[in-house]
């Protein structure tokens, strides 16, 4: 009798719980892996987009800087022309004064 197997079978509750938890753990791990991959993709997209934004901003800044420099050069040329006209006006006044005195 010592070698006989028992006829009454008792369900092992731990194996049933283990099987259920194994399914849940696989599901949770799968969701976490998908979430991590999605986050990595989102961060990469943000970094690429920030490079694009910085590049576009730099391009606009460069164009505006060039425009300002052109305007400054034009203003300098106009200032020189105004100074020349003032000098010519002074000379013309002197000539007129000389002519009026005679």
Protein backbone atom coordinates (compact mmCIF):
# COMPACT_ATOMS: atom_id res chain seq x y z
CA UNK A 1 0.00 0.00 0.00
CA UNK A 2 2.82 2.34 0.45
CA UNK A 3 3.46 2.46 -3.29
CA UNK A 4 -0.14 3.11 -4.32
CA UNK A 5 -1.10 6.51 -5.59
CA UNK A 6 -3.89 8.25 -3.81
CA UNK A 7 -7.27 8.03 -5.50
CA UNK A 8 -8.49 11.39 -4.31
CA UNK A 9 -7.18 14.21 -6.45
CA UNK A 10 -6.82 17.61 -4.80
CA UNK A 11 -6.62 20.65 -7.09
CA UNK A 12 -3.56 22.72 -6.59
CA UNK A 13 -4.83 26.34 -6.26
CA UNK A 14 -1.35 27.75 -6.65
CA UNK A 15 -0.93 26.37 -10.17
CA UNK A 16 -4.29 27.87 -11.25
CA UNK A 17 -3.34 31.26 -9.82
CA UNK A 18 0.11 30.98 -11.37
CA UNK A 19 -1.37 30.35 -14.81
CA UNK A 20 -3.69 33.36 -14.50
CA UNK A 21 -0.94 35.64 -13.24
CA UNK A 22 1.41 34.43 -15.97
CA UNK A 23 -1.10 35.66 -18.58
CA UNK A 24 -1.51 39.00 -16.79
CA UNK A 25 2.24 39.46 -16.40
CA UNK A 26 2.80 38.78 -20.10
CA UNK A 27 0.07 41.31 -20.92
CA UNK A 28 1.50 43.98 -18.60
CA UNK A 29 5.05 43.44 -19.88
CA UNK A 30 3.79 43.69 -23.46
CA UNK A 31 1.99 46.94 -22.70
CA UNK A 32 5.10 48.34 -20.98
CA UNK A 33 7.32 47.42 -23.92
CA UNK A 34 4.91 49.11 -26.34
CA UNK A 35 4.74 52.18 -24.07
CA UNK A 36 8.55 52.42 -23.87
CA UNK A 37 8.92 52.09 -27.65
CA UNK A 38 6.25 54.75 -28.14
CA UNK A 39 7.98 57.10 -25.70
CA UNK A 40 11.34 56.61 -27.43
CA UNK A 41 9.66 57.39 -30.76
CA UNK A 42 8.01 60.51 -29.27
CA UNK A 43 11.30 61.79 -27.82
CA UNK A 44 13.10 61.20 -31.13
CA UNK A 45 10.33 63.08 -32.95
CA UNK A 46 10.61 66.00 -30.54
CA UNK A 47 14.38 66.17 -30.97
CA UNK A 48 14.12 66.08 -34.77
CA UNK A 49 11.38 68.71 -34.69
CA UNK A 50 13.45 70.96 -32.42
CA UNK A 51 16.35 70.75 -34.89
CA UNK A 52 13.96 71.73 -37.68
CA UNK A 53 12.54 74.62 -35.63
CA UNK A 54 16.03 75.84 -34.72
CA UNK A 55 17.09 75.63 -38.36
CA UNK A 56 14.03 77.57 -39.54
CA UNK A 57 14.49 80.15 -36.81
CA UNK A 58 18.16 80.58 -37.69
CA UNK A 59 17.28 80.98 -41.36
CA UNK A 60 14.70 83.67 -40.57
CA UNK A 61 17.15 85.40 -38.21
CA UNK A 62 19.86 85.37 -40.87
CA UNK A 63 17.50 86.83 -43.46
CA UNK A 64 16.38 89.57 -41.08
CA UNK A 65 19.97 90.33 -40.09
CA UNK A 66 20.94 90.64 -43.75
CA UNK A 67 17.97 92.92 -44.32
CA UNK A 68 18.95 95.12 -41.37
CA UNK A 69 22.56 95.32 -42.60
CA UNK A 70 21.37 96.32 -46.07
CA UNK A 71 19.13 98.99 -44.56
CA UNK A 72 22.02 100.31 -42.46
CA UNK A 73 24.30 100.52 -45.50
CA UNK A 74 21.58 102.32 -47.45
CA UNK A 75 21.09 104.74 -44.56
CA UNK A 76 24.84 105.44 -44.44
CA UNK A 77 24.89 106.21 -48.17
CA UNK A 78 21.85 108.48 -47.79
CA UNK A 79 23.49 110.25 -44.84
CA UNK A 80 26.61 110.92 -46.91
CA UNK A 81 24.44 112.25 -49.74
CA UNK A 82 22.55 114.52 -47.31
CA UNK A 83 25.84 115.83 -45.91
CA UNK A 84 27.08 116.53 -49.44
CA UNK A 85 23.86 118.39 -50.23
CA UNK A 86 24.20 120.44 -47.04
CA UNK A 87 27.76 121.32 -47.99
CA UNK A 88 26.61 122.28 -51.48
CA UNK A 89 23.79 124.35 -49.98
CA UNK A 90 26.30 126.22 -47.78
CA UNK A 91 28.50 126.92 -50.79
CA UNK A 92 25.49 128.13 -52.78
CA UNK A 93 24.51 130.48 -49.94
CA UNK A 94 28.02 131.86 -49.84
CA UNK A 95 27.96 132.45 -53.61
CA UNK A 96 24.56 134.16 -53.36
CA UNK A 97 25.78 136.37 -50.50
CA UNK A 98 28.84 137.30 -52.56
CA UNK A 99 26.72 138.16 -55.54
CA UNK A 100 24.33 140.25 -53.47
CA UNK A 101 27.18 142.28 -51.94
CA UNK A 102 28.48 143.34 -55.37
